[in-house]
Amino acid sequence: MDEKKSKEILRMMKFVLFSISAGIIEMGVFALLNEFTPWNYWPCYLTALALSVLWNFTLNRKFTFQSANNVPVAMLKVAAFYCVFTPVTTVLGNYLAETLLWNEYLVTALNMALNLATEYLYDRFFVYRGTMDTNRR
């Protein structure tokens, strides 16, 4: 395997591992809010998602993509992703959990899996394109 492929596989593995840590935060916060507040699905999900996104953005920018690009610009690009992802998954998740009575944790896990796949592609080919590996650690 050539060096370029190896580097890309390592980058994907880092992204998955950091996303798992963000997923633990998201599921933990979601569980606390779901079990200990009277809130419906959507405010629990939105709060948990926001916290996990901040965590994931910070770690992936610094360690996975090693980008030295302008942080506010990268944050705006990631925010644009979530301007689409968040309403879609919030409305769909709320419909599945509240109307169709799917298990809230299953719905959240499905949203997390969708987020992992779509955000990696978005980050890799849009947010950090041309700036990867510019922050030598």
N, C-alpha and C. Protein backbone atom coordinates (compact mmCIF):
# COMPACT_ATOMS: atom_id res chain seq x y z
N MET A 1 0.85 -1.18 0.00
CA MET A 1 0.00 0.00 0.00
C MET A 1 0.90 1.24 0.00
N ASP A 2 0.57 2.21 -0.84
CA ASP A 2 1.40 3.39 -0.91
C ASP A 2 1.14 4.32 0.27
N GLU A 3 2.03 5.29 0.42
CA GLU A 3 1.97 6.20 1.57
C GLU A 3 0.70 7.04 1.58
N LYS A 4 0.25 7.46 0.41
CA LYS A 4 -0.96 8.28 0.33
C LYS A 4 -2.19 7.52 0.82
N LYS A 5 -2.34 6.26 0.42
CA LYS A 5 -3.47 5.44 0.87
C LYS A 5 -3.38 5.18 2.37
N SER A 6 -2.18 4.89 2.85
CA SER A 6 -1.99 4.64 4.28
C SER A 6 -2.38 5.86 5.11
N LYS A 7 -1.97 7.02 4.63
CA LYS A 7 -2.28 8.27 5.34
C LYS A 7 -3.79 8.50 5.37
N GLU A 8 -4.46 8.20 4.26
CA GLU A 8 -5.91 8.40 4.18
C GLU A 8 -6.66 7.41 5.07
N ILE A 9 -6.19 6.19 5.14
CA ILE A 9 -6.80 5.19 6.03
C ILE A 9 -6.63 5.61 7.48
N LEU A 10 -5.45 6.09 7.82
CA LEU A 10 -5.20 6.58 9.19
C LEU A 10 -6.11 7.76 9.49
N ARG A 11 -6.28 8.65 8.53
CA ARG A 11 -7.16 9.82 8.73
C ARG A 11 -8.60 9.36 8.99
N MET A 12 -9.07 8.38 8.22
CA MET A 12 -10.43 7.86 8.43
C MET A 12 -10.56 7.21 9.81
N MET A 13 -9.54 6.46 10.21
CA MET A 13 -9.58 5.80 11.52
C MET A 13 -9.62 6.84 12.64
N LYS A 14 -8.84 7.90 12.53
CA LYS A 14 -8.87 8.97 13.53
C LYS A 14 -10.26 9.60 13.58
N PHE A 15 -10.82 9.87 12.39
CA PHE A 15 -12.14 10.49 12.34
C PHE A 15 -13.17 9.60 13.04
N VAL A 16 -13.12 8.33 12.77
CA VAL A 16 -14.07 7.39 13.39
C VAL A 16 -13.87 7.37 14.91
N LEU A 17 -12.63 7.30 15.36
CA LEU A 17 -12.38 7.25 16.81
C LEU A 17 -12.83 8.54 17.51
N PHE A 18 -12.52 9.69 16.91
CA PHE A 18 -12.98 10.94 17.52
C PHE A 18 -14.50 11.06 17.45
N SER A 19 -15.08 10.55 16.38
CA SER A 19 -16.54 10.56 16.28
C SER A 19 -17.18 9.64 17.31
N ILE A 20 -16.53 8.54 17.61
CA ILE A 20 -17.03 7.66 18.67
C ILE A 20 -17.02 8.41 20.00
N SER A 21 -15.94 9.14 20.27
CA SER A 21 -15.89 9.91 21.53
C SER A 21 -16.98 10.98 21.55
N ALA A 22 -17.22 11.62 20.40
CA ALA A 22 -18.31 12.60 20.31
C ALA A 22 -19.66 11.90 20.47
N GLY A 23 -19.76 10.70 19.94
CA GLY A 23 -20.99 9.92 20.08
C GLY A 23 -21.29 9.55 21.52
N ILE A 24 -20.24 9.25 22.27
CA ILE A 24 -20.41 8.96 23.69
C ILE A 24 -20.95 10.19 24.41
N ILE A 25 -20.39 11.35 24.08
CA ILE A 25 -20.88 12.60 24.67
C ILE A 25 -22.34 12.83 24.26
N GLU A 26 -22.62 12.67 22.97
CA GLU A 26 -23.99 12.91 22.49
C GLU A 26 -24.98 11.96 23.14
N MET A 27 -24.67 10.68 23.18
CA MET A 27 -25.60 9.71 23.75
C MET A 27 -25.73 9.92 25.26
N GLY A 28 -24.63 10.26 25.93
CA GLY A 28 -24.69 10.50 27.37
C GLY A 28 -25.56 11.70 27.72
N VAL A 29 -25.34 12.80 27.01
CA VAL A 29 -26.15 14.00 27.25
C VAL A 29 -27.61 13.73 26.88
N PHE A 30 -27.82 13.05 25.74
CA PHE A 30 -29.18 12.72 25.33
C PHE A 30 -29.87 11.87 26.40
N ALA A 31 -29.18 10.86 26.90
CA ALA A 31 -29.77 9.98 27.91
C ALA A 31 -30.12 10.75 29.18
N LEU A 32 -29.21 11.60 29.63
CA LEU A 32 -29.49 12.39 30.83
C LEU A 32 -30.72 13.28 30.64
N LEU A 33 -30.77 13.97 29.51
CA LEU A 33 -31.91 14.86 29.26
C LEU A 33 -33.20 14.07 29.03
N ASN A 34 -33.10 12.97 28.31
CA ASN A 34 -34.28 12.14 28.01
C ASN A 34 -34.87 11.52 29.27
N GLU A 35 -34.01 11.10 30.17
CA GLU A 35 -34.47 10.41 31.38
C GLU A 35 -34.84 11.36 32.53
N PHE A 36 -34.18 12.53 32.60
CA PHE A 36 -34.34 13.37 33.78
C PHE A 36 -34.99 14.73 33.52
N THR A 37 -35.48 14.95 32.31
CA THR A 37 -36.24 16.17 32.03
C THR A 37 -37.57 15.75 31.40
N PRO A 38 -38.53 16.64 31.41
CA PRO A 38 -39.82 16.32 30.77
C PRO A 38 -39.81 16.63 29.27
N TRP A 39 -38.65 16.92 28.71
CA TRP A 39 -38.55 17.35 27.32
C TRP A 39 -38.94 16.24 26.35
N ASN A 40 -39.46 16.65 25.20
CA ASN A 40 -39.70 15.73 24.09
C ASN A 40 -38.36 15.36 23.46
N TYR A 41 -38.44 14.55 22.41
CA TYR A 41 -37.22 14.08 21.74
C TYR A 41 -36.35 15.21 21.23
N TRP A 42 -36.94 16.15 20.49
CA TRP A 42 -36.12 17.11 19.76
C TRP A 42 -35.25 18.02 20.62
N PRO A 43 -35.68 18.59 21.76
CA PRO A 43 -34.73 19.42 22.51
C PRO A 43 -33.60 18.60 23.14
N CYS A 44 -33.89 17.37 23.50
CA CYS A 44 -32.83 16.49 24.03
C CYS A 44 -31.79 16.23 22.95
N TYR A 45 -32.28 15.91 21.75
CA TYR A 45 -31.39 15.62 20.62
C TYR A 45 -30.57 16.84 20.23
N LEU A 46 -31.21 18.00 20.11
CA LEU A 46 -30.49 19.21 19.68
C LEU A 46 -29.40 19.61 20.65
N THR A 47 -29.68 19.56 21.93
CA THR A 47 -28.67 19.90 22.95
C THR A 47 -27.50 18.94 22.88
N ALA A 48 -27.79 17.66 22.81
CA ALA A 48 -26.73 16.65 22.75
C ALA A 48 -25.91 16.78 21.47
N LEU A 49 -26.58 17.02 20.36
CA LEU A 49 -25.89 17.18 19.08
C LEU A 49 -24.95 18.38 19.10
N ALA A 50 -25.41 19.50 19.61
CA ALA A 50 -24.58 20.72 19.65
C ALA A 50 -23.30 20.48 20.45
N LEU A 51 -23.41 19.83 21.59
CA LEU A 51 -22.21 19.57 22.40
C LEU A 51 -21.25 18.61 21.70
N SER A 52 -21.79 17.60 21.05
CA SER A 52 -20.91 16.64 20.37
C SER A 52 -20.24 17.26 19.15
N VAL A 53 -20.94 18.16 18.47
CA VAL A 53 -20.36 18.83 17.30
C VAL A 53 -19.17 19.69 17.70
N LEU A 54 -19.30 20.43 18.77
CA LEU A 54 -18.18 21.26 19.24
C LEU A 54 -16.96 20.41 19.57
N TRP A 55 -17.18 19.33 20.26
CA TRP A 55 -16.11 18.40 20.63
C TRP A 55 -15.45 17.82 19.37
N ASN A 56 -16.28 17.30 18.48
CA ASN A 56 -15.79 16.64 17.27
C ASN A 56 -15.04 17.61 16.35
N PHE A 57 -15.56 18.81 16.18
CA PHE A 57 -14.91 19.81 15.34
C PHE A 57 -13.51 20.11 15.85
N THR A 58 -13.41 20.35 17.14
CA THR A 58 -12.12 20.71 17.73
C THR A 58 -11.09 19.61 17.54
N LEU A 59 -11.44 18.39 17.85
CA LEU A 59 -10.49 17.28 17.73
C LEU A 59 -10.14 16.96 16.28
N ASN A 60 -11.14 16.91 15.41
CA ASN A 60 -10.86 16.55 14.03
C ASN A 60 -10.07 17.62 13.29
N ARG A 61 -10.34 18.88 13.55
CA ARG A 61 -9.57 19.95 12.91
C ARG A 61 -8.11 19.85 13.28
N LYS A 62 -7.87 19.64 14.56
CA LYS A 62 -6.49 19.65 15.05
C LYS A 62 -5.74 18.36 14.76
N PHE A 63 -6.37 17.22 14.96
CA PHE A 63 -5.65 15.95 14.89
C PHE A 63 -5.91 15.12 13.63
N THR A 64 -7.14 15.09 13.14
CA THR A 64 -7.45 14.26 11.99
C THR A 64 -7.02 14.94 10.69
N PHE A 65 -7.47 16.17 10.51
CA PHE A 65 -7.17 16.88 9.26
C PHE A 65 -5.95 17.77 9.39
N GLN A 66 -5.48 17.99 10.62
CA GLN A 66 -4.28 18.79 10.91
C GLN A 66 -4.27 20.06 10.07
N SER A 67 -5.35 20.80 10.18
CA SER A 67 -5.52 21.98 9.35
C SER A 67 -5.14 23.25 10.10
N ALA A 68 -4.35 24.08 9.41
CA ALA A 68 -3.97 25.37 9.97
C ALA A 68 -4.82 26.49 9.37
N ASN A 69 -5.90 26.12 8.68
CA ASN A 69 -6.72 27.15 8.04
C ASN A 69 -7.43 27.99 9.08
N ASN A 70 -8.06 29.03 8.63
CA ASN A 70 -8.77 29.98 9.46
C ASN A 70 -9.89 29.26 10.22
N VAL A 71 -9.81 29.26 11.55
CA VAL A 71 -10.80 28.53 12.36
C VAL A 71 -12.22 29.06 12.16
N PRO A 72 -12.45 30.37 12.18
CA PRO A 72 -13.82 30.83 11.94
C PRO A 72 -14.39 30.41 10.58
N VAL A 73 -13.55 30.40 9.55
CA VAL A 73 -14.02 29.97 8.23
C VAL A 73 -14.40 28.49 8.27
N ALA A 74 -13.54 27.67 8.87
CA ALA A 74 -13.85 26.24 8.99
C ALA A 74 -15.11 26.03 9.81
N MET A 75 -15.28 26.81 10.88
CA MET A 75 -16.48 26.69 11.71
C MET A 75 -17.73 27.07 10.92
N LEU A 76 -17.64 28.09 10.10
CA LEU A 76 -18.80 28.49 9.28
C LEU A 76 -19.15 27.41 8.27
N LYS A 77 -18.14 26.78 7.69
CA LYS A 77 -18.40 25.70 6.73
C LYS A 77 -19.08 24.51 7.43
N VAL A 78 -18.60 24.18 8.63
CA VAL A 78 -19.22 23.09 9.38
C VAL A 78 -20.63 23.50 9.81
N ALA A 79 -20.80 24.75 10.21
CA ALA A 79 -22.13 25.25 10.58
C ALA A 79 -23.10 25.12 9.39
N ALA A 80 -22.60 25.37 8.18
CA ALA A 80 -23.45 25.24 6.98
C ALA A 80 -23.93 23.80 6.83
N PHE A 81 -23.04 22.84 7.09
CA PHE A 81 -23.43 21.43 7.04
C PHE A 81 -24.58 21.18 8.03
N TYR A 82 -24.43 21.70 9.24
CA TYR A 82 -25.43 21.46 10.27
C TYR A 82 -26.71 22.26 10.06
N CYS A 83 -26.66 23.32 9.24
CA CYS A 83 -27.89 24.04 8.88
C CYS A 83 -28.81 23.15 8.04
N VAL A 84 -28.25 22.17 7.37
CA VAL A 84 -29.04 21.21 6.61
C VAL A 84 -29.28 19.95 7.44
N PHE A 85 -28.20 19.39 7.99
CA PHE A 85 -28.28 18.12 8.71
C PHE A 85 -29.21 18.20 9.92
N THR A 86 -29.08 19.26 10.71
CA THR A 86 -29.82 19.36 11.97
C THR A 86 -31.34 19.41 11.77
N PRO A 87 -31.86 20.29 10.92
CA PRO A 87 -33.32 20.29 10.76
C PRO A 87 -33.86 18.97 10.20
N VAL A 88 -33.14 18.40 9.24
CA VAL A 88 -33.61 17.14 8.64
C VAL A 88 -33.66 16.04 9.69
N THR A 89 -32.58 15.88 10.45
CA THR A 89 -32.55 14.79 11.43
C THR A 89 -33.41 15.08 12.65
N THR A 90 -33.59 16.35 12.98
CA THR A 90 -34.46 16.70 14.11
C THR A 90 -35.92 16.40 13.78
N VAL A 91 -36.36 16.85 12.62
CA VAL A 91 -37.76 16.63 12.22
C VAL A 91 -38.01 15.14 12.01
N LEU A 92 -37.13 14.49 11.26
CA LEU A 92 -37.29 13.05 11.02
C LEU A 92 -37.19 12.26 12.32
N GLY A 93 -36.20 12.59 13.15
CA GLY A 93 -36.04 11.89 14.42
C GLY A 93 -37.23 12.07 15.33
N ASN A 94 -37.74 13.30 15.40
CA ASN A 94 -38.92 13.56 16.22
C ASN A 94 -40.13 12.78 15.70
N TYR A 95 -40.28 12.73 14.38
CA TYR A 95 -41.38 11.97 13.78
C TYR A 95 -41.26 10.48 14.13
N LEU A 96 -40.06 9.93 13.98
CA LEU A 96 -39.85 8.51 14.29
C LEU A 96 -40.09 8.21 15.77
N ALA A 97 -39.58 9.09 16.64
CA ALA A 97 -39.68 8.83 18.08
C ALA A 97 -41.05 9.17 18.67
N GLU A 98 -41.63 10.28 18.24
CA GLU A 98 -42.87 10.74 18.86
C GLU A 98 -44.13 10.23 18.14
N THR A 99 -44.08 10.11 16.83
CA THR A 99 -45.27 9.70 16.08
C THR A 99 -45.30 8.19 15.83
N LEU A 100 -44.19 7.66 15.32
CA LEU A 100 -44.14 6.22 15.04
C LEU A 100 -43.71 5.40 16.26
N LEU A 101 -43.34 6.09 17.33
CA LEU A 101 -42.96 5.49 18.60
C LEU A 101 -41.76 4.55 18.50
N TRP A 102 -40.80 4.91 17.64
CA TRP A 102 -39.53 4.18 17.61
C TRP A 102 -38.78 4.51 18.89
N ASN A 103 -37.92 3.62 19.29
CA ASN A 103 -37.09 3.85 20.47
C ASN A 103 -36.20 5.07 20.25
N GLU A 104 -36.20 6.01 21.21
CA GLU A 104 -35.44 7.26 21.08
C GLU A 104 -33.95 7.02 20.91
N TYR A 105 -33.43 5.99 21.57
CA TYR A 105 -32.00 5.70 21.50
C TYR A 105 -31.63 5.11 20.14
N LEU A 106 -32.52 4.31 19.57
CA LEU A 106 -32.29 3.79 18.23
C LEU A 106 -32.28 4.92 17.21
N VAL A 107 -33.22 5.83 17.33
CA VAL A 107 -33.30 6.98 16.41
C VAL A 107 -32.04 7.83 16.52
N THR A 108 -31.60 8.08 17.73
CA THR A 108 -30.38 8.87 17.93
C THR A 108 -29.17 8.15 17.37
N ALA A 109 -29.08 6.86 17.56
CA ALA A 109 -27.95 6.09 17.02
C ALA A 109 -27.95 6.11 15.49
N LEU A 110 -29.12 6.02 14.87
CA LEU A 110 -29.20 6.11 13.41
C LEU A 110 -28.75 7.48 12.92
N ASN A 111 -29.18 8.53 13.61
CA ASN A 111 -28.73 9.88 13.26
C ASN A 111 -27.22 10.02 13.40
N MET A 112 -26.67 9.42 14.43
CA MET A 112 -25.22 9.49 14.65
C MET A 112 -24.46 8.77 13.54
N ALA A 113 -24.95 7.64 13.11
CA ALA A 113 -24.29 6.90 12.02
C ALA A 113 -24.36 7.69 10.71
N LEU A 114 -25.50 8.29 10.44
CA LEU A 114 -25.64 9.13 9.26
C LEU A 114 -24.69 10.33 9.33
N ASN A 115 -24.60 10.92 10.50
CA ASN A 115 -23.71 12.06 10.71
C ASN A 115 -22.26 11.68 10.46
N LEU A 116 -21.83 10.56 10.97
CA LEU A 116 -20.44 10.11 10.81
C LEU A 116 -20.07 10.02 9.34
N ALA A 117 -20.89 9.35 8.57
CA ALA A 117 -20.58 9.13 7.14
C ALA A 117 -20.62 10.43 6.35
N THR A 118 -21.67 11.21 6.52
CA THR A 118 -21.82 12.41 5.70
C THR A 118 -20.84 13.50 6.11
N GLU A 119 -20.58 13.63 7.40
CA GLU A 119 -19.67 14.70 7.82
C GLU A 119 -18.23 14.41 7.43
N TYR A 120 -17.82 13.14 7.46
CA TYR A 120 -16.45 12.84 7.03
C TYR A 120 -16.26 13.30 5.58
N LEU A 121 -17.17 12.93 4.71
CA LEU A 121 -17.05 13.32 3.31
C LEU A 121 -17.08 14.84 3.13
N TYR A 122 -17.96 15.49 3.84
CA TYR A 122 -18.08 16.94 3.77
C TYR A 122 -16.80 17.62 4.26
N ASP A 123 -16.29 17.17 5.41
CA ASP A 123 -15.06 17.76 5.95
C ASP A 123 -13.88 17.49 5.03
N ARG A 124 -13.75 16.27 4.60
CA ARG A 124 -12.59 15.86 3.80
C ARG A 124 -12.53 16.59 2.46
N PHE A 125 -13.68 16.72 1.80
CA PHE A 125 -13.68 17.26 0.44
C PHE A 125 -14.14 18.71 0.32
N PHE A 126 -14.60 19.30 1.43
CA PHE A 126 -15.03 20.70 1.36
C PHE A 126 -14.36 21.56 2.43
N VAL A 127 -14.55 21.22 3.69
CA VAL A 127 -14.06 22.08 4.76
C VAL A 127 -12.54 22.16 4.76
N TYR A 128 -11.87 21.03 4.68
CA TYR A 128 -10.40 21.01 4.81
C TYR A 128 -9.67 20.74 3.50
N ARG A 129 -10.40 20.69 2.40
CA ARG A 129 -9.76 20.48 1.10
C ARG A 129 -8.69 21.55 0.88
N GLY A 130 -7.51 21.12 0.57
CA GLY A 130 -6.41 22.05 0.30
C GLY A 130 -5.68 22.55 1.54
N THR A 131 -6.21 22.24 2.72
CA THR A 131 -5.53 22.71 3.95
C THR A 131 -5.16 21.56 4.88
N MET A 132 -5.39 20.34 4.43
CA MET A 132 -5.04 19.19 5.29
C MET A 132 -3.53 19.11 5.44
N ASP A 133 -3.14 18.70 6.63
CA ASP A 133 -1.73 18.49 6.95
C ASP A 133 -0.90 19.77 6.82
N THR A 134 -1.52 20.91 7.06
CA THR A 134 -0.77 22.18 7.05
C THR A 134 -0.36 22.59 8.45
N ASN A 135 -0.91 21.94 9.46
CA ASN A 135 -0.57 22.23 10.84
C ASN A 135 0.31 21.09 11.34
N ARG A 136 1.58 21.18 11.06
CA ARG A 136 2.51 20.11 11.46
C ARG A 136 2.64 20.06 12.96
N ARG A 137 2.31 18.90 13.51
CA ARG A 137 2.40 18.71 14.96
C ARG A 137 3.71 18.07 15.29
